[in-house]
N, C-alpha and C. Protein backbone atom coordinates (compact mmCIF):
# COMPACT_ATOMS: atom_id res chain seq x y z
N MET A 1 3.10 -33.90 4.32
CA MET A 1 3.71 -33.39 3.10
C MET A 1 5.22 -33.36 3.27
N THR A 2 5.91 -33.78 2.26
CA THR A 2 7.36 -33.83 2.32
C THR A 2 7.96 -32.51 1.83
N VAL A 3 9.13 -32.22 2.30
CA VAL A 3 9.85 -31.02 1.89
C VAL A 3 10.70 -31.37 0.67
N LEU A 4 10.52 -30.61 -0.41
CA LEU A 4 11.26 -30.86 -1.64
C LEU A 4 12.51 -30.00 -1.70
N ALA A 5 13.49 -30.48 -2.43
CA ALA A 5 14.71 -29.70 -2.65
C ALA A 5 14.35 -28.45 -3.45
N PRO A 6 15.05 -27.34 -3.23
CA PRO A 6 14.73 -26.09 -3.94
C PRO A 6 14.75 -26.24 -5.47
N ALA A 7 15.68 -27.01 -6.00
CA ALA A 7 15.77 -27.18 -7.45
C ALA A 7 14.54 -27.91 -7.98
N ARG A 8 14.10 -28.92 -7.26
CA ARG A 8 12.92 -29.67 -7.69
C ARG A 8 11.67 -28.82 -7.57
N GLU A 9 11.59 -28.03 -6.54
CA GLU A 9 10.43 -27.14 -6.36
C GLU A 9 10.37 -26.12 -7.49
N ARG A 10 11.51 -25.58 -7.86
CA ARG A 10 11.57 -24.62 -8.97
C ARG A 10 11.16 -25.29 -10.28
N PHE A 11 11.59 -26.54 -10.47
CA PHE A 11 11.24 -27.30 -11.67
C PHE A 11 9.73 -27.51 -11.75
N ARG A 12 9.10 -27.81 -10.63
CA ARG A 12 7.66 -28.02 -10.60
C ARG A 12 6.91 -26.75 -10.99
N TRP A 13 7.36 -25.58 -10.52
CA TRP A 13 6.72 -24.33 -10.87
C TRP A 13 6.95 -24.00 -12.35
N THR A 14 8.11 -24.37 -12.87
CA THR A 14 8.38 -24.14 -14.29
C THR A 14 7.45 -24.97 -15.15
N ILE A 15 7.27 -26.22 -14.80
CA ILE A 15 6.37 -27.10 -15.54
C ILE A 15 4.94 -26.57 -15.47
N LEU A 16 4.50 -26.14 -14.30
CA LEU A 16 3.16 -25.58 -14.16
C LEU A 16 2.99 -24.34 -15.04
N ALA A 17 4.00 -23.49 -15.09
CA ALA A 17 3.94 -22.29 -15.93
C ALA A 17 3.86 -22.66 -17.40
N LEU A 18 4.64 -23.64 -17.84
CA LEU A 18 4.60 -24.07 -19.24
C LEU A 18 3.24 -24.65 -19.61
N ILE A 19 2.68 -25.45 -18.74
CA ILE A 19 1.36 -26.02 -19.00
C ILE A 19 0.31 -24.92 -19.06
N SER A 20 0.40 -23.96 -18.16
CA SER A 20 -0.57 -22.86 -18.14
C SER A 20 -0.47 -22.02 -19.41
N VAL A 21 0.73 -21.70 -19.84
CA VAL A 21 0.91 -20.92 -21.06
C VAL A 21 0.39 -21.67 -22.27
N SER A 22 0.68 -22.96 -22.37
CA SER A 22 0.20 -23.73 -23.52
C SER A 22 -1.32 -23.82 -23.51
N HIS A 23 -1.93 -23.92 -22.33
CA HIS A 23 -3.39 -23.95 -22.26
C HIS A 23 -3.98 -22.61 -22.70
N ILE A 24 -3.39 -21.51 -22.30
CA ILE A 24 -3.88 -20.19 -22.70
C ILE A 24 -3.77 -20.01 -24.21
N ILE A 25 -2.65 -20.43 -24.78
CA ILE A 25 -2.47 -20.31 -26.23
C ILE A 25 -3.49 -21.16 -26.97
N GLY A 26 -3.69 -22.40 -26.52
CA GLY A 26 -4.67 -23.27 -27.17
C GLY A 26 -6.09 -22.75 -27.04
N ALA A 27 -6.45 -22.25 -25.87
CA ALA A 27 -7.80 -21.72 -25.67
C ALA A 27 -8.02 -20.46 -26.49
N SER A 28 -7.01 -19.60 -26.56
CA SER A 28 -7.18 -18.38 -27.34
C SER A 28 -7.31 -18.69 -28.83
N ALA A 29 -6.65 -19.74 -29.29
CA ALA A 29 -6.81 -20.15 -30.69
C ALA A 29 -8.22 -20.65 -30.95
N GLN A 30 -8.75 -21.43 -30.02
CA GLN A 30 -10.10 -21.96 -30.19
C GLN A 30 -11.16 -20.88 -30.11
N TYR A 31 -11.03 -19.95 -29.18
CA TYR A 31 -12.04 -18.92 -29.01
C TYR A 31 -11.84 -17.76 -29.98
N GLY A 32 -10.61 -17.47 -30.32
CA GLY A 32 -10.33 -16.36 -31.22
C GLY A 32 -10.72 -16.62 -32.65
N ILE A 33 -10.74 -17.88 -33.06
CA ILE A 33 -11.05 -18.20 -34.45
C ILE A 33 -12.49 -17.79 -34.78
N ASN A 34 -13.41 -17.94 -33.84
CA ASN A 34 -14.79 -17.52 -34.08
C ASN A 34 -14.92 -16.01 -34.14
N THR A 35 -14.19 -15.33 -33.31
CA THR A 35 -14.27 -13.87 -33.26
C THR A 35 -13.76 -13.24 -34.55
N LEU A 36 -12.77 -13.85 -35.15
CA LEU A 36 -12.18 -13.29 -36.37
C LEU A 36 -12.87 -13.72 -37.65
N ALA A 37 -13.91 -14.53 -37.54
CA ALA A 37 -14.58 -15.08 -38.73
C ALA A 37 -15.04 -14.01 -39.73
N PRO A 38 -15.68 -12.93 -39.30
CA PRO A 38 -16.12 -11.94 -40.30
C PRO A 38 -14.96 -11.33 -41.09
N PHE A 39 -13.81 -11.19 -40.45
CA PHE A 39 -12.67 -10.56 -41.13
C PHE A 39 -12.09 -11.46 -42.21
N TYR A 40 -11.84 -12.74 -41.88
CA TYR A 40 -11.26 -13.58 -42.93
C TYR A 40 -12.31 -14.09 -43.89
N LYS A 41 -13.58 -14.03 -43.52
CA LYS A 41 -14.65 -14.35 -44.46
C LYS A 41 -14.66 -13.33 -45.60
N ASP A 42 -14.60 -12.05 -45.24
CA ASP A 42 -14.58 -11.00 -46.26
C ASP A 42 -13.25 -10.98 -47.02
N GLU A 43 -12.16 -11.14 -46.30
CA GLU A 43 -10.83 -11.05 -46.92
C GLU A 43 -10.60 -12.17 -47.94
N LEU A 44 -11.06 -13.38 -47.61
CA LEU A 44 -10.84 -14.53 -48.49
C LEU A 44 -12.02 -14.80 -49.43
N GLY A 45 -13.09 -14.04 -49.26
CA GLY A 45 -14.25 -14.21 -50.13
C GLY A 45 -14.96 -15.54 -49.90
N LEU A 46 -15.05 -15.97 -48.66
CA LEU A 46 -15.68 -17.24 -48.34
C LEU A 46 -17.17 -17.05 -48.08
N SER A 47 -17.93 -18.10 -48.38
CA SER A 47 -19.35 -18.08 -48.03
C SER A 47 -19.51 -18.51 -46.58
N ARG A 48 -20.71 -18.33 -46.05
CA ARG A 48 -20.95 -18.75 -44.67
C ARG A 48 -20.81 -20.27 -44.53
N ALA A 49 -21.20 -21.00 -45.56
CA ALA A 49 -21.06 -22.46 -45.53
C ALA A 49 -19.59 -22.87 -45.49
N GLN A 50 -18.75 -22.19 -46.24
CA GLN A 50 -17.32 -22.51 -46.24
C GLN A 50 -16.68 -22.18 -44.90
N VAL A 51 -17.10 -21.08 -44.28
CA VAL A 51 -16.59 -20.74 -42.96
C VAL A 51 -17.04 -21.80 -41.95
N GLY A 52 -18.29 -22.25 -42.07
CA GLY A 52 -18.78 -23.32 -41.19
C GLY A 52 -18.00 -24.60 -41.37
N LEU A 53 -17.66 -24.96 -42.61
CA LEU A 53 -16.85 -26.15 -42.85
C LEU A 53 -15.45 -25.99 -42.26
N PHE A 54 -14.91 -24.79 -42.36
CA PHE A 54 -13.60 -24.53 -41.78
C PHE A 54 -13.63 -24.71 -40.27
N PHE A 55 -14.68 -24.17 -39.61
CA PHE A 55 -14.82 -24.34 -38.16
C PHE A 55 -14.95 -25.82 -37.80
N SER A 56 -15.74 -26.54 -38.56
CA SER A 56 -15.92 -27.96 -38.30
C SER A 56 -14.61 -28.72 -38.42
N ALA A 57 -13.85 -28.42 -39.47
CA ALA A 57 -12.57 -29.08 -39.66
C ALA A 57 -11.59 -28.72 -38.54
N PHE A 58 -11.59 -27.46 -38.14
CA PHE A 58 -10.69 -27.00 -37.08
C PHE A 58 -10.99 -27.73 -35.77
N TYR A 59 -12.28 -27.74 -35.37
CA TYR A 59 -12.64 -28.37 -34.09
C TYR A 59 -12.48 -29.89 -34.14
N LEU A 60 -12.73 -30.48 -35.29
CA LEU A 60 -12.51 -31.93 -35.44
C LEU A 60 -11.03 -32.26 -35.31
N ALA A 61 -10.18 -31.42 -35.89
CA ALA A 61 -8.73 -31.64 -35.77
C ALA A 61 -8.27 -31.45 -34.33
N MET A 62 -8.81 -30.46 -33.63
CA MET A 62 -8.44 -30.25 -32.23
C MET A 62 -8.88 -31.43 -31.37
N THR A 63 -10.07 -31.95 -31.64
CA THR A 63 -10.56 -33.11 -30.90
C THR A 63 -9.71 -34.33 -31.18
N GLY A 64 -9.39 -34.55 -32.44
CA GLY A 64 -8.54 -35.69 -32.80
C GLY A 64 -7.16 -35.59 -32.17
N ALA A 65 -6.61 -34.38 -32.14
CA ALA A 65 -5.29 -34.20 -31.52
C ALA A 65 -5.37 -34.48 -30.02
N SER A 66 -6.47 -34.06 -29.39
CA SER A 66 -6.62 -34.31 -27.95
C SER A 66 -6.71 -35.79 -27.66
N PHE A 67 -7.51 -36.52 -28.45
CA PHE A 67 -7.63 -37.95 -28.23
C PHE A 67 -6.32 -38.67 -28.52
N ALA A 68 -5.62 -38.25 -29.57
CA ALA A 68 -4.35 -38.89 -29.91
C ALA A 68 -3.33 -38.67 -28.80
N LYS A 69 -3.29 -37.48 -28.27
CA LYS A 69 -2.34 -37.17 -27.20
C LYS A 69 -2.70 -37.92 -25.92
N SER A 70 -3.99 -37.98 -25.61
CA SER A 70 -4.39 -38.64 -24.37
C SER A 70 -4.14 -40.15 -24.42
N SER A 71 -4.14 -40.72 -25.62
CA SER A 71 -3.88 -42.16 -25.70
C SER A 71 -2.39 -42.48 -25.56
N THR A 72 -1.53 -41.48 -25.76
CA THR A 72 -0.09 -41.72 -25.63
C THR A 72 0.45 -41.43 -24.23
N VAL A 73 -0.35 -40.74 -23.42
CA VAL A 73 0.10 -40.35 -22.09
C VAL A 73 -0.50 -41.31 -21.08
N LYS A 74 0.34 -41.87 -20.24
CA LYS A 74 -0.13 -42.78 -19.21
C LYS A 74 -0.59 -41.98 -18.00
N SER A 75 -1.79 -42.29 -17.53
CA SER A 75 -2.34 -41.58 -16.40
C SER A 75 -1.61 -41.98 -15.12
N PRO A 76 -1.32 -41.01 -14.24
CA PRO A 76 -0.67 -41.36 -12.97
C PRO A 76 -1.61 -42.12 -12.05
N LEU A 77 -2.91 -42.12 -12.36
CA LEU A 77 -3.87 -42.83 -11.55
C LEU A 77 -4.04 -44.29 -11.97
N SER A 78 -3.54 -44.64 -13.17
CA SER A 78 -3.69 -46.02 -13.61
C SER A 78 -2.73 -46.93 -12.85
N VAL A 79 -3.17 -48.15 -12.68
CA VAL A 79 -2.38 -49.10 -11.88
C VAL A 79 -1.45 -49.90 -12.75
């Protein structure tokens, strides 16, 4: 293992922290949306079918965004 300069080491920890925070925010959005369903169902006067369509649209958009992002990022393992 090579010894990195202190500035580069600090940069690596900063990047790791940013990735971790963005993952926590994304995961909480995905998991929290189901937990809050009864509240916005009543508040907006939605039927169970409409809430189900909203969930489907939300998860489809998240999946599409993941695939779109993964196609733009080059893997460090690719040759």
